C-alpha cells in the first residue's frame, strides 16, 4: 500500500463526472443592467470558494459563476478579498437571464 501525502501526487489528476456544464468566466457575458441587487460583504471564509458563497446566498452552489461574472471577478483567488462588497442579484433575475439565454448556458 502506497502512502499518499501532499508531496506524493499520484492521485493529482482525477476524472470526475459533473452533471453541470463548466462555465467559462472569461467569455460568458451576463446581463447586469436593470437588475436589482443587495450587497454582501465577503468574509475570509468566502475567498476561493465561490461555490460555498453561492450556497450561502442562494441555497445552491449552481449560481457561483453568475455571481462572480456579475461582479466582474474573473480570478476568485486574486480578485476576491475579505471585506469586498459584492452585488448580489435576485435568484429570479438570474433564472430569467438563464432562461432567455438557455442556448448559451445550458
PDB file of N, CA and C in Angstrom:
ATOM      1  N   UNK A   1       0.844  -1.173   0.000  1.00  0.00           N
ATOM      2  CA  UNK A   1       0.000   0.000   0.000  1.00  0.00           C
ATOM      3  C   UNK A   1       0.890   1.236   0.000  1.00  0.00           C
ATOM      4  N   UNK A   2       0.633   2.132  -0.935  1.00  0.00           N
ATOM      5  CA  UNK A   2       1.437   3.334  -1.073  1.00  0.00           C
ATOM      6  C   UNK A   2       0.814   4.468  -0.262  1.00  0.00           C
ATOM      7  N   UNK A   3       1.628   5.122   0.529  1.00  0.00           N
ATOM      8  CA  UNK A   3       1.161   6.234   1.353  1.00  0.00           C
ATOM      9  C   UNK A   3       1.051   7.499   0.493  1.00  0.00           C
ATOM     10  N   UNK A   4      -0.132   8.128   0.511  1.00  0.00           N
ATOM     11  CA  UNK A   4      -0.357   9.357  -0.255  1.00  0.00           C
ATOM     12  C   UNK A   4      -0.160  10.536   0.680  1.00  0.00           C
ATOM     13  N   UNK A   5       0.761  11.396   0.334  1.00  0.00           N
ATOM     14  CA  UNK A   5       0.996  12.601   1.118  1.00  0.00           C
ATOM     15  C   UNK A   5       0.863  13.799   0.194  1.00  0.00           C
ATOM     16  N   UNK A   6       0.989  14.988   0.741  1.00  0.00           N
ATOM     17  CA  UNK A   6       0.899  16.171  -0.099  1.00  0.00           C
ATOM     18  C   UNK A   6       2.101  16.291  -1.039  1.00  0.00           C
ATOM     19  N   UNK A   7       3.176  15.541  -0.766  1.00  0.00           N
ATOM     20  CA  UNK A   7       4.347  15.567  -1.636  1.00  0.00           C
ATOM     21  C   UNK A   7       4.308  14.469  -2.691  1.00  0.00           C
ATOM     22  N   UNK A   8       3.427  13.528  -2.521  1.00  0.00           N
ATOM     23  CA  UNK A   8       3.287  12.415  -3.446  1.00  0.00           C
ATOM     24  C   UNK A   8       1.936  12.578  -4.146  1.00  0.00           C
ATOM     25  N   UNK A   9       1.941  13.105  -5.353  1.00  0.00           N
ATOM     26  CA  UNK A   9       0.688  13.447  -6.033  1.00  0.00           C
ATOM     27  C   UNK A   9       0.312  12.422  -7.109  1.00  0.00           C
ATOM     28  N   UNK A  10       0.333  11.146  -6.792  1.00  0.00           N
ATOM     29  CA  UNK A  10      -0.071  10.136  -7.761  1.00  0.00           C
ATOM     30  C   UNK A  10      -1.553  10.261  -8.109  1.00  0.00           C
ATOM     31  N   UNK A  11      -2.343  10.783  -7.194  1.00  0.00           N
ATOM     32  CA  UNK A  11      -3.783  10.908  -7.435  1.00  0.00           C
ATOM     33  C   UNK A  11      -4.164  12.336  -7.827  1.00  0.00           C
ATOM     34  N   UNK A  12      -3.211  13.112  -8.304  1.00  0.00           N
ATOM     35  CA  UNK A  12      -3.455  14.536  -8.587  1.00  0.00           C
ATOM     36  C   UNK A  12      -4.470  14.728  -9.709  1.00  0.00           C
ATOM     37  N   UNK A  13      -4.310  14.015 -10.818  1.00  0.00           N
ATOM     38  CA  UNK A  13      -5.249  14.127 -11.928  1.00  0.00           C
ATOM     39  C   UNK A  13      -6.308  13.043 -11.776  1.00  0.00           C
ATOM     40  N   UNK A  14      -7.531  13.477 -11.606  1.00  0.00           N
ATOM     41  CA  UNK A  14      -8.619  12.540 -11.386  1.00  0.00           C
ATOM     42  C   UNK A  14      -9.793  12.959 -12.258  1.00  0.00           C
ATOM     43  N   UNK A  15     -10.422  12.004 -12.911  1.00  0.00           N
ATOM     44  CA  UNK A  15     -11.586  12.299 -13.737  1.00  0.00           C
ATOM     45  C   UNK A  15     -12.832  12.227 -12.869  1.00  0.00           C
ATOM     46  N   UNK A  16     -13.578  13.315 -12.887  1.00  0.00           N
ATOM     47  CA  UNK A  16     -14.798  13.385 -12.098  1.00  0.00           C
ATOM     48  C   UNK A  16     -15.921  13.788 -13.034  1.00  0.00           C
ATOM     49  N   UNK A  17     -17.020  13.053 -13.010  1.00  0.00           N
ATOM     50  CA  UNK A  17     -18.138  13.443 -13.861  1.00  0.00           C
ATOM     51  C   UNK A  17     -19.015  14.423 -13.097  1.00  0.00           C
ATOM     52  N   UNK A  18     -19.441  15.466 -13.791  1.00  0.00           N
ATOM     53  CA  UNK A  18     -20.249  16.513 -13.189  1.00  0.00           C
ATOM     54  C   UNK A  18     -21.478  16.713 -14.069  1.00  0.00           C
ATOM     55  N   UNK A  19     -22.668  16.764 -13.485  1.00  0.00           N
ATOM     56  CA  UNK A  19     -23.870  16.918 -14.301  1.00  0.00           C
ATOM     57  C   UNK A  19     -24.032  18.310 -14.897  1.00  0.00           C
ATOM     58  N   UNK A  20     -23.352  19.314 -14.355  1.00  0.00           N
ATOM     59  CA  UNK A  20     -23.489  20.676 -14.847  1.00  0.00           C
ATOM     60  C   UNK A  20     -22.342  21.015 -15.790  1.00  0.00           C
ATOM     61  N   UNK A  21     -22.626  21.764 -16.851  1.00  0.00           N
ATOM     62  CA  UNK A  21     -21.532  22.162 -17.748  1.00  0.00           C
ATOM     63  C   UNK A  21     -20.617  23.169 -17.076  1.00  0.00           C
ATOM     64  N   UNK A  22     -19.364  23.155 -17.486  1.00  0.00           N
ATOM     65  CA  UNK A  22     -18.393  24.087 -16.927  1.00  0.00           C
ATOM     66  C   UNK A  22     -18.641  25.483 -17.481  1.00  0.00           C
ATOM     67  N   UNK A  23     -18.541  26.484 -16.644  1.00  0.00           N
ATOM     68  CA  UNK A  23     -18.748  27.864 -17.062  1.00  0.00           C
ATOM     69  C   UNK A  23     -17.406  28.548 -17.245  1.00  0.00           C
ATOM     70  N   UNK A  24     -17.250  29.260 -18.317  1.00  0.00           N
ATOM     71  CA  UNK A  24     -16.020  29.986 -18.604  1.00  0.00           C
ATOM     72  C   UNK A  24     -16.215  31.443 -18.203  1.00  0.00           C
ATOM     73  N   UNK A  25     -15.562  31.878 -17.139  1.00  0.00           N
ATOM     74  CA  UNK A  25     -15.746  33.228 -16.637  1.00  0.00           C
ATOM     75  C   UNK A  25     -15.176  34.288 -17.575  1.00  0.00           C
ATOM     76  N   UNK A  26     -14.318  33.908 -18.482  1.00  0.00           N
ATOM     77  CA  UNK A  26     -13.706  34.899 -19.348  1.00  0.00           C
ATOM     78  C   UNK A  26     -14.544  35.203 -20.587  1.00  0.00           C
ATOM     79  N   UNK A  27     -15.455  34.314 -20.973  1.00  0.00           N
ATOM     80  CA  UNK A  27     -16.204  34.543 -22.197  1.00  0.00           C
ATOM     81  C   UNK A  27     -17.702  34.743 -21.991  1.00  0.00           C
ATOM     82  N   UNK A  28     -18.268  34.322 -20.889  1.00  0.00           N
ATOM     83  CA  UNK A  28     -19.704  34.481 -20.673  1.00  0.00           C
ATOM     84  C   UNK A  28     -20.030  35.920 -20.317  1.00  0.00           C
ATOM     85  N   UNK A  29     -20.881  36.516 -21.099  1.00  0.00           N
ATOM     86  CA  UNK A  29     -21.336  37.874 -20.806  1.00  0.00           C
ATOM     87  C   UNK A  29     -22.693  37.797 -20.137  1.00  0.00           C
ATOM     88  N   UNK A  30     -22.793  38.291 -18.943  1.00  0.00           N
ATOM     89  CA  UNK A  30     -24.053  38.247 -18.214  1.00  0.00           C
ATOM     90  C   UNK A  30     -24.681  39.635 -18.189  1.00  0.00           C
ATOM     91  N   UNK A  31     -25.973  39.636 -18.078  1.00  0.00           N
ATOM     92  CA  UNK A  31     -26.732  40.876 -18.041  1.00  0.00           C
ATOM     93  C   UNK A  31     -26.630  41.496 -16.657  1.00  0.00           C
ATOM     94  N   UNK A  32     -26.296  42.784 -16.603  1.00  0.00           N
ATOM     95  CA  UNK A  32     -26.217  43.473 -15.312  1.00  0.00           C
ATOM     96  C   UNK A  32     -27.108  44.699 -15.277  1.00  0.00           C
ATOM     97  N   UNK A  33     -27.597  45.127 -16.431  1.00  0.00           N
ATOM     98  CA  UNK A  33     -28.443  46.317 -16.467  1.00  0.00           C
ATOM     99  C   UNK A  33     -29.830  46.011 -15.928  1.00  0.00           C
ATOM    100  N   UNK A  34     -30.413  46.980 -15.286  1.00  0.00           N
ATOM    101  CA  UNK A  34     -31.791  46.920 -14.794  1.00  0.00           C
ATOM    102  C   UNK A  34     -32.043  45.783 -13.806  1.00  0.00           C
ATOM    103  N   UNK A  35     -31.006  45.309 -13.146  1.00  0.00           N
ATOM    104  CA  UNK A  35     -31.183  44.267 -12.139  1.00  0.00           C
ATOM    105  C   UNK A  35     -31.058  44.887 -10.758  1.00  0.00           C
ATOM    106  N   UNK A  36     -31.996  44.526  -9.911  1.00  0.00           N
ATOM    107  CA  UNK A  36     -31.901  44.958  -8.524  1.00  0.00           C
ATOM    108  C   UNK A  36     -30.994  43.983  -7.799  1.00  0.00           C
ATOM    109  N   UNK A  37     -30.275  44.493  -6.828  1.00  0.00           N
ATOM    110  CA  UNK A  37     -29.360  43.627  -6.094  1.00  0.00           C
ATOM    111  C   UNK A  37     -29.234  44.106  -4.658  1.00  0.00           C
ATOM    112  N   UNK A  38     -28.759  43.193  -3.824  1.00  0.00           N
ATOM    113  CA  UNK A  38     -28.408  43.523  -2.449  1.00  0.00           C
ATOM    114  C   UNK A  38     -26.885  43.509  -2.368  1.00  0.00           C
ATOM    115  N   UNK A  39     -26.364  43.929  -1.236  1.00  0.00           N
ATOM    116  CA  UNK A  39     -24.911  43.979  -1.040  1.00  0.00           C
ATOM    117  C   UNK A  39     -24.505  42.934  -0.006  1.00  0.00           C
ATOM    118  N   UNK A  40     -23.412  42.245  -0.285  1.00  0.00           N
ATOM    119  CA  UNK A  40     -22.854  41.256   0.637  1.00  0.00           C
ATOM    120  C   UNK A  40     -21.375  41.569   0.838  1.00  0.00           C
ATOM    121  N   UNK A  41     -20.927  41.559   2.099  1.00  0.00           N
ATOM    122  CA  UNK A  41     -19.508  41.776   2.403  1.00  0.00           C
ATOM    123  C   UNK A  41     -18.812  40.415   2.500  1.00  0.00           C
ATOM    124  N   UNK A  42     -17.797  40.221   1.689  1.00  0.00           N
ATOM    125  CA  UNK A  42     -17.042  38.968   1.631  1.00  0.00           C
ATOM    126  C   UNK A  42     -16.273  38.776   2.931  1.00  0.00           C
ATOM    127  N   UNK A  43     -16.296  37.548   3.447  1.00  0.00           N
ATOM    128  CA  UNK A  43     -15.526  37.204   4.638  1.00  0.00           C
ATOM    129  C   UNK A  43     -14.300  36.399   4.228  1.00  0.00           C
ATOM    130  N   UNK A  44     -13.409  36.169   5.141  1.00  0.00           N
ATOM    131  CA  UNK A  44     -12.207  35.387   4.842  1.00  0.00           C
ATOM    132  C   UNK A  44     -12.554  33.948   4.463  1.00  0.00           C
ATOM    133  N   UNK A  45     -13.711  33.450   4.909  1.00  0.00           N
ATOM    134  CA  UNK A  45     -14.123  32.080   4.602  1.00  0.00           C
ATOM    135  C   UNK A  45     -14.664  31.951   3.179  1.00  0.00           C
ATOM    136  N   UNK A  46     -15.005  33.061   2.544  1.00  0.00           N
ATOM    137  CA  UNK A  46     -15.555  33.048   1.190  1.00  0.00           C
ATOM    138  C   UNK A  46     -14.474  33.067   0.115  1.00  0.00           C
ATOM    139  N   UNK A  47     -13.271  33.444   0.467  1.00  0.00           N
ATOM    140  CA  UNK A  47     -12.199  33.601  -0.512  1.00  0.00           C
ATOM    141  C   UNK A  47     -11.835  32.249  -1.124  1.00  0.00           C
ATOM    142  N   UNK A  48     -11.847  32.209  -2.447  1.00  0.00           N
ATOM    143  CA  UNK A  48     -11.501  30.987  -3.168  1.00  0.00           C
ATOM    144  C   UNK A  48     -12.601  29.951  -3.193  1.00  0.00           C
ATOM    145  N   UNK A  49     -13.753  30.235  -2.609  1.00  0.00           N
ATOM    146  CA  UNK A  49     -14.859  29.276  -2.582  1.00  0.00           C
ATOM    147  C   UNK A  49     -16.163  29.920  -3.045  1.00  0.00           C
ATOM    148  N   UNK A  50     -16.237  30.328  -4.305  1.00  0.00           N
ATOM    149  CA  UNK A  50     -17.472  30.939  -4.792  1.00  0.00           C
ATOM    150  C   UNK A  50     -18.651  29.978  -4.768  1.00  0.00           C
ATOM    151  N   UNK A  51     -18.371  28.677  -4.815  1.00  0.00           N
ATOM    152  CA  UNK A  51     -19.456  27.698  -4.739  1.00  0.00           C
ATOM    153  C   UNK A  51     -20.152  27.757  -3.379  1.00  0.00           C
ATOM    154  N   UNK A  52     -19.363  27.890  -2.313  1.00  0.00           N
ATOM    155  CA  UNK A  52     -19.957  27.989  -0.973  1.00  0.00           C
ATOM    156  C   UNK A  52     -20.638  29.333  -0.769  1.00  0.00           C
ATOM    157  N   UNK A  53     -20.104  30.363  -1.389  1.00  0.00           N
ATOM    158  CA  UNK A  53     -20.723  31.681  -1.331  1.00  0.00           C
ATOM    159  C   UNK A  53     -22.095  31.642  -2.010  1.00  0.00           C
ATOM    160  N   UNK A  54     -22.171  30.991  -3.155  1.00  0.00           N
ATOM    161  CA  UNK A  54     -23.445  30.835  -3.855  1.00  0.00           C
ATOM    162  C   UNK A  54     -24.428  30.031  -3.001  1.00  0.00           C
ATOM    163  N   UNK A  55     -23.946  28.991  -2.349  1.00  0.00           N
ATOM    164  CA  UNK A  55     -24.821  28.185  -1.484  1.00  0.00           C
ATOM    165  C   UNK A  55     -25.339  29.024  -0.323  1.00  0.00           C
ATOM    166  N   UNK A  56     -24.495  29.852   0.237  1.00  0.00           N
ATOM    167  CA  UNK A  56     -24.886  30.708   1.354  1.00  0.00           C
ATOM    168  C   UNK A  56     -25.943  31.730   0.925  1.00  0.00           C
ATOM    169  N   UNK A  57     -25.776  32.299  -0.264  1.00  0.00           N
ATOM    170  CA  UNK A  57     -26.657  33.371  -0.720  1.00  0.00           C
ATOM    171  C   UNK A  57     -27.919  32.884  -1.433  1.00  0.00           C
ATOM    172  N   UNK A  58     -27.814  31.752  -2.151  1.00  0.00           N
ATOM    173  CA  UNK A  58     -28.930  31.275  -2.963  1.00  0.00           C
ATOM    174  C   UNK A  58     -29.467  29.906  -2.563  1.00  0.00           C
ATOM    175  N   UNK A  59     -28.771  29.230  -1.667  1.00  0.00           N
ATOM    176  CA  UNK A  59     -29.218  27.893  -1.274  1.00  0.00           C
ATOM    177  C   UNK A  59     -28.732  26.797  -2.203  1.00  0.00           C
ATOM    178  N   UNK A  60     -27.950  27.146  -3.208  1.00  0.00           N
ATOM    179  CA  UNK A  60     -27.376  26.181  -4.145  1.00  0.00           C
ATOM    180  C   UNK A  60     -26.047  26.719  -4.656  1.00  0.00           C
ATOM    181  N   UNK A  61     -25.133  25.827  -4.989  1.00  0.00           N
ATOM    182  CA  UNK A  61     -23.832  26.258  -5.500  1.00  0.00           C
ATOM    183  C   UNK A  61     -23.868  26.520  -7.000  1.00  0.00           C
ATOM    184  N   UNK A  62     -25.005  26.336  -7.649  1.00  0.00           N
ATOM    185  CA  UNK A  62     -25.099  26.425  -9.103  1.00  0.00           C
ATOM    186  C   UNK A  62     -24.930  27.825  -9.679  1.00  0.00           C
ATOM    187  N   UNK A  63     -25.041  28.884  -8.882  1.00  0.00           N
ATOM    188  CA  UNK A  63     -25.001  30.244  -9.410  1.00  0.00           C
ATOM    189  C   UNK A  63     -23.695  30.987  -9.113  1.00  0.00           C
ATOM    190  N   UNK A  64     -22.670  30.266  -8.707  1.00  0.00           N
ATOM    191  CA  UNK A  64     -21.403  30.922  -8.374  1.00  0.00           C
ATOM    192  C   UNK A  64     -20.830  31.666  -9.574  1.00  0.00           C
ATOM    193  N   UNK A  65     -20.909  31.061 -10.742  1.00  0.00           N
ATOM    194  CA  UNK A  65     -20.332  31.661 -11.947  1.00  0.00           C
ATOM    195  C   UNK A  65     -21.021  32.974 -12.301  1.00  0.00           C
ATOM    196  N   UNK A  66     -22.354  33.023 -12.149  1.00  0.00           N
ATOM    197  CA  UNK A  66     -23.092  34.245 -12.456  1.00  0.00           C
ATOM    198  C   UNK A  66     -22.740  35.341 -11.452  1.00  0.00           C
ATOM    199  N   UNK A  67     -22.685  34.961 -10.174  1.00  0.00           N
ATOM    200  CA  UNK A  67     -22.358  35.921  -9.124  1.00  0.00           C
ATOM    201  C   UNK A  67     -20.975  36.533  -9.350  1.00  0.00           C
ATOM    202  N   UNK A  68     -20.002  35.706  -9.723  1.00  0.00           N
ATOM    203  CA  UNK A  68     -18.653  36.208  -9.962  1.00  0.00           C
ATOM    204  C   UNK A  68     -18.617  37.106 -11.199  1.00  0.00           C
ATOM    205  N   UNK A  69     -19.248  36.687 -12.278  1.00  0.00           N
ATOM    206  CA  UNK A  69     -19.236  37.483 -13.503  1.00  0.00           C
ATOM    207  C   UNK A  69     -20.016  38.782 -13.321  1.00  0.00           C
ATOM    208  N   UNK A  70     -21.111  38.748 -12.568  1.00  0.00           N
ATOM    209  CA  UNK A  70     -21.913  39.938 -12.289  1.00  0.00           C
ATOM    210  C   UNK A  70     -21.071  41.000 -11.583  1.00  0.00           C
ATOM    211  N   UNK A  71     -20.131  40.543 -10.756  1.00  0.00           N
ATOM    212  CA  UNK A  71     -19.256  41.448 -10.010  1.00  0.00           C
ATOM    213  C   UNK A  71     -17.896  41.638 -10.664  1.00  0.00           C
ATOM    214  N   UNK A  72     -17.754  41.162 -11.910  1.00  0.00           N
ATOM    215  CA  UNK A  72     -16.517  41.292 -12.674  1.00  0.00           C
ATOM    216  C   UNK A  72     -15.314  40.681 -11.961  1.00  0.00           C
ATOM    217  N   UNK A  73     -15.552  39.545 -11.324  1.00  0.00           N
ATOM    218  CA  UNK A  73     -14.486  38.784 -10.670  1.00  0.00           C
ATOM    219  C   UNK A  73     -14.115  37.643 -11.609  1.00  0.00           C
ATOM    220  N   UNK A  74     -12.966  37.751 -12.246  1.00  0.00           N
ATOM    221  CA  UNK A  74     -12.517  36.719 -13.174  1.00  0.00           C
ATOM    222  C   UNK A  74     -11.602  35.699 -12.514  1.00  0.00           C
ATOM    223  N   UNK A  75     -10.939  36.081 -11.449  1.00  0.00           N
ATOM    224  CA  UNK A  75      -9.995  35.209 -10.755  1.00  0.00           C
ATOM    225  C   UNK A  75     -10.392  35.168  -9.272  1.00  0.00           C
ATOM    226  N   UNK A  76     -11.042  34.082  -8.862  1.00  0.00           N
ATOM    227  CA  UNK A  76     -11.545  34.012  -7.483  1.00  0.00           C
ATOM    228  C   UNK A  76     -10.429  33.960  -6.457  1.00  0.00           C
ATOM    229  N   UNK A  77      -9.209  33.639  -6.878  1.00  0.00           N
ATOM    230  CA  UNK A  77      -8.085  33.571  -5.937  1.00  0.00           C
ATOM    231  C   UNK A  77      -7.469  34.935  -5.690  1.00  0.00           C
ATOM    232  N   UNK A  78      -7.491  35.810  -6.705  1.00  0.00           N
ATOM    233  CA  UNK A  78      -6.817  37.095  -6.572  1.00  0.00           C
ATOM    234  C   UNK A  78      -7.755  38.299  -6.580  1.00  0.00           C
ATOM    235  N   UNK A  79      -8.923  38.174  -7.186  1.00  0.00           N
ATOM    236  CA  UNK A  79      -9.847  39.305  -7.274  1.00  0.00           C
ATOM    237  C   UNK A  79     -10.848  39.356  -6.123  1.00  0.00           C
ATOM    238  N   UNK A  80     -11.012  38.272  -5.418  1.00  0.00           N
ATOM    239  CA  UNK A  80     -11.951  38.202  -4.293  1.00  0.00           C
ATOM    240  C   UNK A  80     -11.159  38.358  -3.001  1.00  0.00           C
ATOM    241  N   UNK A  81     -11.544  39.321  -2.170  1.00  0.00           N
ATOM    242  CA  UNK A  81     -10.796  39.558  -0.944  1.00  0.00           C
ATOM    243  C   UNK A  81     -11.738  39.867   0.213  1.00  0.00           C
ATOM    244  N   UNK A  82     -11.270  39.648   1.419  1.00  0.00           N
ATOM    245  CA  UNK A  82     -12.053  39.876   2.627  1.00  0.00           C
ATOM    246  C   UNK A  82     -12.411  41.354   2.735  1.00  0.00           C
ATOM    247  N   UNK A  83     -13.688  41.631   2.984  1.00  0.00           N
ATOM    248  CA  UNK A  83     -14.172  42.995   3.099  1.00  0.00           C
ATOM    249  C   UNK A  83     -14.738  43.553   1.803  1.00  0.00           C
ATOM    250  N   UNK A  84     -14.515  42.843   0.709  1.00  0.00           N
ATOM    251  CA  UNK A  84     -15.031  43.279  -0.586  1.00  0.00           C
ATOM    252  C   UNK A  84     -16.556  43.283  -0.570  1.00  0.00           C
ATOM    253  N   UNK A  85     -17.156  44.267  -1.222  1.00  0.00           N
ATOM    254  CA  UNK A  85     -18.612  44.332  -1.321  1.00  0.00           C
ATOM    255  C   UNK A  85     -19.050  43.752  -2.656  1.00  0.00           C
ATOM    256  N   UNK A  86     -19.883  42.704  -2.580  1.00  0.00           N
ATOM    257  CA  UNK A  86     -20.399  42.075  -3.789  1.00  0.00           C
ATOM    258  C   UNK A  86     -21.843  42.492  -3.998  1.00  0.00           C
ATOM    259  N   UNK A  87     -22.202  42.718  -5.263  1.00  0.00           N
ATOM    260  CA  UNK A  87     -23.592  42.942  -5.630  1.00  0.00           C
ATOM    261  C   UNK A  87     -24.216  41.561  -5.826  1.00  0.00           C
ATOM    262  N   UNK A  88     -25.342  41.316  -5.147  1.00  0.00           N
ATOM    263  CA  UNK A  88     -25.993  40.016  -5.205  1.00  0.00           C
ATOM    264  C   UNK A  88     -27.359  40.174  -5.878  1.00  0.00           C
ATOM    265  N   UNK A  89     -27.460  39.797  -7.168  1.00  0.00           N
ATOM    266  CA  UNK A  89     -28.747  39.896  -7.848  1.00  0.00           C
ATOM    267  C   UNK A  89     -29.720  38.848  -7.314  1.00  0.00           C
ATOM    268  N   UNK A  90     -31.001  39.092  -7.534  1.00  0.00           N
ATOM    269  CA  UNK A  90     -32.002  38.143  -7.049  1.00  0.00           C
ATOM    270  C   UNK A  90     -31.942  36.857  -7.871  1.00  0.00           C
ATOM    271  N   UNK A  91     -32.332  35.773  -7.264  1.00  0.00           N
ATOM    272  CA  UNK A  91     -32.323  34.482  -7.950  1.00  0.00           C
ATOM    273  C   UNK A  91     -33.340  34.482  -9.094  1.00  0.00           C
ATOM    274  N   UNK A  92     -34.401  35.258  -8.957  1.00  0.00           N
ATOM    275  CA  UNK A  92     -35.396  35.356 -10.034  1.00  0.00           C
ATOM    276  C   UNK A  92     -34.782  35.993 -11.277  1.00  0.00           C
ATOM    277  N   UNK A  93     -33.999  37.068 -11.086  1.00  0.00           N
ATOM    278  CA  UNK A  93     -33.343  37.716 -12.218  1.00  0.00           C
ATOM    279  C   UNK A  93     -32.324  36.795 -12.878  1.00  0.00           C
ATOM    280  N   UNK A  94     -31.605  36.039 -12.088  1.00  0.00           N
ATOM    281  CA  UNK A  94     -30.625  35.097 -12.645  1.00  0.00           C
ATOM    282  C   UNK A  94     -31.333  34.033 -13.467  1.00  0.00           C
ATOM    283  N   UNK A  95     -32.393  33.458 -12.906  1.00  0.00           N
ATOM    284  CA  UNK A  95     -33.131  32.417 -13.626  1.00  0.00           C
ATOM    285  C   UNK A  95     -33.754  32.954 -14.905  1.00  0.00           C
ATOM    286  N   UNK A  96     -34.242  34.187 -14.876  1.00  0.00           N
ATOM    287  CA  UNK A  96     -34.800  34.802 -16.072  1.00  0.00           C
ATOM    288  C   UNK A  96     -33.718  34.974 -17.133  1.00  0.00           C
ATOM    289  N   UNK A  97     -32.536  35.416 -16.725  1.00  0.00           N
ATOM    290  CA  UNK A  97     -31.428  35.570 -17.660  1.00  0.00           C
ATOM    291  C   UNK A  97     -31.044  34.227 -18.267  1.00  0.00           C
ATOM    292  N   UNK A  98     -30.932  33.198 -17.451  1.00  0.00           N
ATOM    293  CA  UNK A  98     -30.550  31.877 -17.947  1.00  0.00           C
ATOM    294  C   UNK A  98     -31.616  31.327 -18.888  1.00  0.00           C
ATOM    295  N   UNK A  99     -32.891  31.522 -18.554  1.00  0.00           N
ATOM    296  CA  UNK A  99     -33.973  31.055 -19.416  1.00  0.00           C
ATOM    297  C   UNK A  99     -33.939  31.759 -20.770  1.00  0.00           C
ATOM    298  N   UNK A 100     -33.704  33.055 -20.752  1.00  0.00           N
ATOM    299  CA  UNK A 100     -33.657  33.822 -22.005  1.00  0.00           C
ATOM    300  C   UNK A 100     -32.429  33.528 -22.827  1.00  0.00           C
ATOM    301  N   UNK A 101     -31.391  32.965 -22.219  1.00  0.00           N
ATOM    302  CA  UNK A 101     -30.153  32.637 -22.910  1.00  0.00           C
ATOM    303  C   UNK A 101     -29.824  31.163 -22.797  1.00  0.00           C
ATOM    304  N   UNK A 102     -30.850  30.332 -22.781  1.00  0.00           N
ATOM    305  CA  UNK A 102     -30.651  28.919 -22.497  1.00  0.00           C
ATOM    306  C   UNK A 102     -29.762  28.218 -23.526  1.00  0.00           C
ATOM    307  N   UNK A 103     -29.709  28.716 -24.744  1.00  0.00           N
ATOM    308  CA  UNK A 103     -28.843  28.090 -25.732  1.00  0.00           C
ATOM    309  C   UNK A 103     -27.371  28.244 -25.389  1.00  0.00           C
ATOM    310  N   UNK A 104     -27.008  29.287 -24.616  1.00  0.00           N
ATOM    311  CA  UNK A 104     -25.611  29.522 -24.243  1.00  0.00           C
ATOM    312  C   UNK A 104     -25.243  28.922 -22.891  1.00  0.00           C
ATOM    313  N   UNK A 105     -26.212  28.805 -21.977  1.00  0.00           N
ATOM    314  CA  UNK A 105     -25.893  28.485 -20.586  1.00  0.00           C
ATOM    315  C   UNK A 105     -26.459  27.165 -20.105  1.00  0.00           C
ATOM    316  N   UNK A 106     -26.926  26.310 -20.952  1.00  0.00           N
ATOM    317  CA  UNK A 106     -27.453  25.011 -20.506  1.00  0.00           C
ATOM    318  C   UNK A 106     -26.724  23.890 -21.156  1.00  0.00           C
TER     319      UNK A 106
END
